[in-house]
């Protein structure tokens, strides 16, 4: 799939899954350094916000925005996945006061490769900015792929979808 970063074309390693398909099982690392798989994250509706690099302005803004909304959604899991190391994620959380949203590291690239979102740019390899809402069984209910990586996601679209799920 082709995306852009600062209007420069980039190619991902594959095509991402679509609404109605199962999210592939993947392995990421939590803040405690433990490997976590998709199956560990499910059990209730789950929003996964994928950001390329938590230490960039747009990634930081979108992660803080979703973190501010977490309390409004009982019964929903919220996660952010980035290609940063867990140490970089911990430092960012401490600096930004983020406490509720769990950051997960795809530093090894397993999530990005299995979802087709990894961009193997030699100078800046990252996962593609995207938002996913998955049901408790792992089926994709909502998907937004942000084609220009420097743009923010559609918060209202994702949060509106979550609100409709709660009804």
C-alpha atoms as a PDB file:
ATOM      1  CA  UNK A   1       0.000   0.000   0.000  1.00  0.00           C
ATOM      2  CA  UNK A   2       1.324   3.451  -0.778  1.00  0.00           C
ATOM      3  CA  UNK A   3       1.305   6.179   1.856  1.00  0.00           C
ATOM      4  CA  UNK A   4       3.191   9.442   2.170  1.00  0.00           C
ATOM      5  CA  UNK A   5       5.327  11.180   4.766  1.00  0.00           C
ATOM      6  CA  UNK A   6       5.734  14.912   4.140  1.00  0.00           C
ATOM      7  CA  UNK A   7       4.190  14.227   0.705  1.00  0.00           C
ATOM      8  CA  UNK A   8       7.021  11.797  -0.157  1.00  0.00           C
ATOM      9  CA  UNK A   9       5.701   8.379  -1.259  1.00  0.00           C
ATOM     10  CA  UNK A  10       6.423   5.335   0.875  1.00  0.00           C
ATOM     11  CA  UNK A  11       5.414   1.732   0.398  1.00  0.00           C
ATOM     12  CA  UNK A  12       4.192  -0.500   3.217  1.00  0.00           C
ATOM     13  CA  UNK A  13       5.121  -4.186   3.331  1.00  0.00           C
ATOM     14  CA  UNK A  14       1.577  -5.256   2.460  1.00  0.00           C
ATOM     15  CA  UNK A  15      -2.107  -4.477   2.458  1.00  0.00           C
ATOM     16  CA  UNK A  16      -3.829  -3.979   5.817  1.00  0.00           C
ATOM     17  CA  UNK A  17      -6.837  -6.006   6.846  1.00  0.00           C
ATOM     18  CA  UNK A  18     -10.292  -4.577   6.188  1.00  0.00           C
ATOM     19  CA  UNK A  19     -13.445  -4.107   8.248  1.00  0.00           C
ATOM     20  CA  UNK A  20     -15.096  -7.479   8.789  1.00  0.00           C
ATOM     21  CA  UNK A  21     -11.815  -9.403   8.694  1.00  0.00           C
ATOM     22  CA  UNK A  22      -9.952 -10.780  11.698  1.00  0.00           C
ATOM     23  CA  UNK A  23      -7.002  -8.812  12.994  1.00  0.00           C
ATOM     24  CA  UNK A  24      -3.969 -11.111  12.716  1.00  0.00           C
ATOM     25  CA  UNK A  25      -2.397 -12.244  15.951  1.00  0.00           C
ATOM     26  CA  UNK A  26       0.764 -10.240  16.646  1.00  0.00           C
ATOM     27  CA  UNK A  27       3.308  -9.768  19.382  1.00  0.00           C
ATOM     28  CA  UNK A  28       4.256  -6.414  20.936  1.00  0.00           C
ATOM     29  CA  UNK A  29       5.988  -5.498  24.201  1.00  0.00           C
ATOM     30  CA  UNK A  30       4.348  -3.792  27.183  1.00  0.00           C
ATOM     31  CA  UNK A  31       5.930  -1.286  29.581  1.00  0.00           C
ATOM     32  CA  UNK A  32       7.075  -4.131  31.854  1.00  0.00           C
ATOM     33  CA  UNK A  33       9.049  -5.677  28.982  1.00  0.00           C
ATOM     34  CA  UNK A  34       6.640  -8.603  28.577  1.00  0.00           C
ATOM     35  CA  UNK A  35       5.510  -9.872  25.216  1.00  0.00           C
ATOM     36  CA  UNK A  36       1.806  -9.347  24.625  1.00  0.00           C
ATOM     37  CA  UNK A  37      -0.267 -10.852  21.832  1.00  0.00           C
ATOM     38  CA  UNK A  38      -3.528  -9.627  20.317  1.00  0.00           C
ATOM     39  CA  UNK A  39      -5.378 -12.361  22.186  1.00  0.00           C
ATOM     40  CA  UNK A  40      -4.144 -10.786  25.463  1.00  0.00           C
ATOM     41  CA  UNK A  41      -5.675  -7.425  24.501  1.00  0.00           C
ATOM     42  CA  UNK A  42      -9.168  -8.608  23.647  1.00  0.00           C
ATOM     43  CA  UNK A  43     -12.155  -9.623  25.791  1.00  0.00           C
ATOM     44  CA  UNK A  44     -14.030  -6.377  25.215  1.00  0.00           C
ATOM     45  CA  UNK A  45     -14.128  -3.852  22.372  1.00  0.00           C
ATOM     46  CA  UNK A  46     -10.624  -2.514  21.804  1.00  0.00           C
ATOM     47  CA  UNK A  47      -9.359   0.691  20.197  1.00  0.00           C
ATOM     48  CA  UNK A  48      -5.782   0.517  18.938  1.00  0.00           C
ATOM     49  CA  UNK A  49      -4.178   3.761  17.839  1.00  0.00           C
ATOM     50  CA  UNK A  50      -1.026   3.174  15.808  1.00  0.00           C
ATOM     51  CA  UNK A  51       1.487   6.017  15.752  1.00  0.00           C
ATOM     52  CA  UNK A  52       4.798   5.948  13.876  1.00  0.00           C
ATOM     53  CA  UNK A  53       6.958   7.627  16.550  1.00  0.00           C
ATOM     54  CA  UNK A  54       5.617   8.793  19.916  1.00  0.00           C
ATOM     55  CA  UNK A  55       8.309  11.491  20.080  1.00  0.00           C
ATOM     56  CA  UNK A  56       6.950  13.460  17.121  1.00  0.00           C
ATOM     57  CA  UNK A  57       4.337  16.187  17.433  1.00  0.00           C
ATOM     58  CA  UNK A  58       1.413  14.565  15.597  1.00  0.00           C
ATOM     59  CA  UNK A  59       1.939  11.207  17.324  1.00  0.00           C
ATOM     60  CA  UNK A  60       2.125  12.920  20.688  1.00  0.00           C
ATOM     61  CA  UNK A  61      -1.016  14.967  19.989  1.00  0.00           C
ATOM     62  CA  UNK A  62      -3.072  11.967  18.872  1.00  0.00           C
ATOM     63  CA  UNK A  63      -1.950   9.809  21.799  1.00  0.00           C
ATOM     64  CA  UNK A  64      -2.813  12.566  24.300  1.00  0.00           C
ATOM     65  CA  UNK A  65      -6.187  13.123  22.610  1.00  0.00           C
ATOM     66  CA  UNK A  66      -7.180   9.460  22.891  1.00  0.00           C
ATOM     67  CA  UNK A  67      -5.787   9.336  26.458  1.00  0.00           C
ATOM     68  CA  UNK A  68      -8.079  12.253  27.419  1.00  0.00           C
ATOM     69  CA  UNK A  69     -11.089  10.340  26.108  1.00  0.00           C
ATOM     70  CA  UNK A  70     -10.429   7.005  27.862  1.00  0.00           C
ATOM     71  CA  UNK A  71     -12.480   7.787  30.980  1.00  0.00           C
ATOM     72  CA  UNK A  72     -15.607   8.446  28.908  1.00  0.00           C
ATOM     73  CA  UNK A  73     -15.719   4.876  27.598  1.00  0.00           C
ATOM     74  CA  UNK A  74     -16.370   2.182  30.184  1.00  0.00           C
ATOM     75  CA  UNK A  75     -15.852  -1.336  28.946  1.00  0.00           C
ATOM     76  CA  UNK A  76     -13.430  -0.368  26.162  1.00  0.00           C
ATOM     77  CA  UNK A  77      -9.726  -1.215  25.991  1.00  0.00           C
ATOM     78  CA  UNK A  78      -7.482   1.585  24.692  1.00  0.00           C
ATOM     79  CA  UNK A  79      -3.943   0.951  23.435  1.00  0.00           C
ATOM     80  CA  UNK A  80      -1.365   2.874  21.450  1.00  0.00           C
ATOM     81  CA  UNK A  81       1.234   0.972  19.438  1.00  0.00           C
ATOM     82  CA  UNK A  82       4.397   2.655  18.184  1.00  0.00           C
ATOM     83  CA  UNK A  83       7.731   1.441  16.878  1.00  0.00           C
ATOM     84  CA  UNK A  84       9.504   3.187  19.769  1.00  0.00           C
ATOM     85  CA  UNK A  85      11.280   1.162  22.425  1.00  0.00           C
ATOM     86  CA  UNK A  86       9.512   0.651  25.752  1.00  0.00           C
ATOM     87  CA  UNK A  87      12.081   2.972  27.384  1.00  0.00           C
ATOM     88  CA  UNK A  88      11.227   5.758  24.918  1.00  0.00           C
ATOM     89  CA  UNK A  89       7.521   5.189  25.557  1.00  0.00           C
ATOM     90  CA  UNK A  90       7.985   5.312  29.356  1.00  0.00           C
ATOM     91  CA  UNK A  91       9.946   8.557  29.057  1.00  0.00           C
ATOM     92  CA  UNK A  92       7.211  10.085  26.895  1.00  0.00           C
ATOM     93  CA  UNK A  93       4.444   9.008  29.305  1.00  0.00           C
ATOM     94  CA  UNK A  94       6.321  10.491  32.254  1.00  0.00           C
ATOM     95  CA  UNK A  95       6.938  13.777  30.424  1.00  0.00           C
ATOM     96  CA  UNK A  96       3.334  14.064  29.177  1.00  0.00           C
ATOM     97  CA  UNK A  97       1.482  12.777  32.251  1.00  0.00           C
ATOM     98  CA  UNK A  98      -0.201   9.956  30.327  1.00  0.00           C
ATOM     99  CA  UNK A  99      -1.382   7.352  32.796  1.00  0.00           C
ATOM    100  CA  UNK A 100      -4.418   5.494  31.514  1.00  0.00           C
ATOM    101  CA  UNK A 101      -3.713   4.537  27.932  1.00  0.00           C
ATOM    102  CA  UNK A 102      -1.295   1.656  27.644  1.00  0.00           C
ATOM    103  CA  UNK A 103       1.526   2.084  25.161  1.00  0.00           C
ATOM    104  CA  UNK A 104       2.829  -1.034  23.447  1.00  0.00           C
ATOM    105  CA  UNK A 105       6.103  -1.274  21.570  1.00  0.00           C
ATOM    106  CA  UNK A 106       6.367  -2.729  18.079  1.00  0.00           C
ATOM    107  CA  UNK A 107      10.111  -2.093  18.057  1.00  0.00           C
ATOM    108  CA  UNK A 108      10.615  -5.634  16.683  1.00  0.00           C
ATOM    109  CA  UNK A 109       8.138  -4.940  13.847  1.00  0.00           C
ATOM    110  CA  UNK A 110       5.890  -7.992  14.321  1.00  0.00           C
ATOM    111  CA  UNK A 111       2.652  -5.966  14.432  1.00  0.00           C
ATOM    112  CA  UNK A 112       3.647  -3.852  11.425  1.00  0.00           C
ATOM    113  CA  UNK A 113       4.621  -6.823   9.301  1.00  0.00           C
ATOM    114  CA  UNK A 114       1.571  -8.960  10.146  1.00  0.00           C
ATOM    115  CA  UNK A 115      -0.855  -6.087   9.520  1.00  0.00           C
ATOM    116  CA  UNK A 116       0.939  -4.823   6.403  1.00  0.00           C
ATOM    117  CA  UNK A 117       1.442  -1.413   8.059  1.00  0.00           C
ATOM    118  CA  UNK A 118       5.242  -1.457   8.361  1.00  0.00           C
ATOM    119  CA  UNK A 119       7.095   1.034   6.160  1.00  0.00           C
ATOM    120  CA  UNK A 120      10.691  -0.137   5.686  1.00  0.00           C
ATOM    121  CA  UNK A 121      12.055   3.347   4.971  1.00  0.00           C
ATOM    122  CA  UNK A 122      15.841   2.971   5.481  1.00  0.00           C
ATOM    123  CA  UNK A 123      16.067   6.335   7.239  1.00  0.00           C
ATOM    124  CA  UNK A 124      12.892   6.087   9.326  1.00  0.00           C
ATOM    125  CA  UNK A 125      11.251   2.636   9.501  1.00  0.00           C
ATOM    126  CA  UNK A 126       7.880   2.863  11.267  1.00  0.00           C
ATOM    127  CA  UNK A 127       4.325   1.561  11.296  1.00  0.00           C
ATOM    128  CA  UNK A 128       1.675   3.541   9.410  1.00  0.00           C
ATOM    129  CA  UNK A 129      -0.572   5.838  11.439  1.00  0.00           C
ATOM    130  CA  UNK A 130      -3.951   4.154  11.809  1.00  0.00           C
ATOM    131  CA  UNK A 131      -6.874   3.564  14.163  1.00  0.00           C
ATOM    132  CA  UNK A 132      -8.539   0.199  14.684  1.00  0.00           C
ATOM    133  CA  UNK A 133     -11.593  -0.842  16.677  1.00  0.00           C
ATOM    134  CA  UNK A 134     -11.803  -4.580  17.200  1.00  0.00           C
ATOM    135  CA  UNK A 135     -14.601  -6.602  18.764  1.00  0.00           C
ATOM    136  CA  UNK A 136     -13.929  -8.985  21.699  1.00  0.00           C
ATOM    137  CA  UNK A 137     -13.311 -11.869  19.276  1.00  0.00           C
ATOM    138  CA  UNK A 138     -10.741  -9.986  17.146  1.00  0.00           C
ATOM    139  CA  UNK A 139     -12.928  -8.943  14.206  1.00  0.00           C
ATOM    140  CA  UNK A 140     -12.188  -5.473  12.819  1.00  0.00           C
ATOM    141  CA  UNK A 141     -15.208  -3.205  13.234  1.00  0.00           C
ATOM    142  CA  UNK A 142     -13.590   0.125  12.301  1.00  0.00           C
ATOM    143  CA  UNK A 143     -10.418   1.036  10.471  1.00  0.00           C
ATOM    144  CA  UNK A 144      -8.789   4.289   9.480  1.00  0.00           C
ATOM    145  CA  UNK A 145      -5.474   4.318   7.639  1.00  0.00           C
ATOM    146  CA  UNK A 146      -3.999   7.831   7.611  1.00  0.00           C
ATOM    147  CA  UNK A 147      -2.434   8.016   4.157  1.00  0.00           C
ATOM    148  CA  UNK A 148      -0.314  11.135   4.900  1.00  0.00           C
ATOM    149  CA  UNK A 149       1.605  10.181   8.036  1.00  0.00           C
ATOM    150  CA  UNK A 150       1.944  13.784   9.215  1.00  0.00           C
ATOM    151  CA  UNK A 151      -1.857  14.135   9.495  1.00  0.00           C
ATOM    152  CA  UNK A 152      -3.915  13.381  12.588  1.00  0.00           C
ATOM    153  CA  UNK A 153      -6.535  10.646  12.551  1.00  0.00           C
ATOM    154  CA  UNK A 154     -10.276  11.321  12.515  1.00  0.00           C
ATOM    155  CA  UNK A 155     -10.870  11.315  16.282  1.00  0.00           C
ATOM    156  CA  UNK A 156     -14.569  12.073  15.938  1.00  0.00           C
ATOM    157  CA  UNK A 157     -15.058   9.132  13.574  1.00  0.00           C
ATOM    158  CA  UNK A 158     -13.401   6.621  15.896  1.00  0.00           C
ATOM    159  CA  UNK A 159     -14.906   7.985  19.110  1.00  0.00           C
ATOM    160  CA  UNK A 160     -18.340   8.306  17.497  1.00  0.00           C
ATOM    161  CA  UNK A 161     -18.091   4.655  16.461  1.00  0.00           C
ATOM    162  CA  UNK A 162     -17.232   3.711  20.063  1.00  0.00           C
ATOM    163  CA  UNK A 163     -20.197   5.715  21.353  1.00  0.00           C
ATOM    164  CA  UNK A 164     -22.511   3.891  18.969  1.00  0.00           C
ATOM    165  CA  UNK A 165     -21.120   0.547  20.207  1.00  0.00           C
ATOM    166  CA  UNK A 166     -22.007   1.448  23.788  1.00  0.00           C
ATOM    167  CA  UNK A 167     -25.690   1.938  22.947  1.00  0.00           C
END
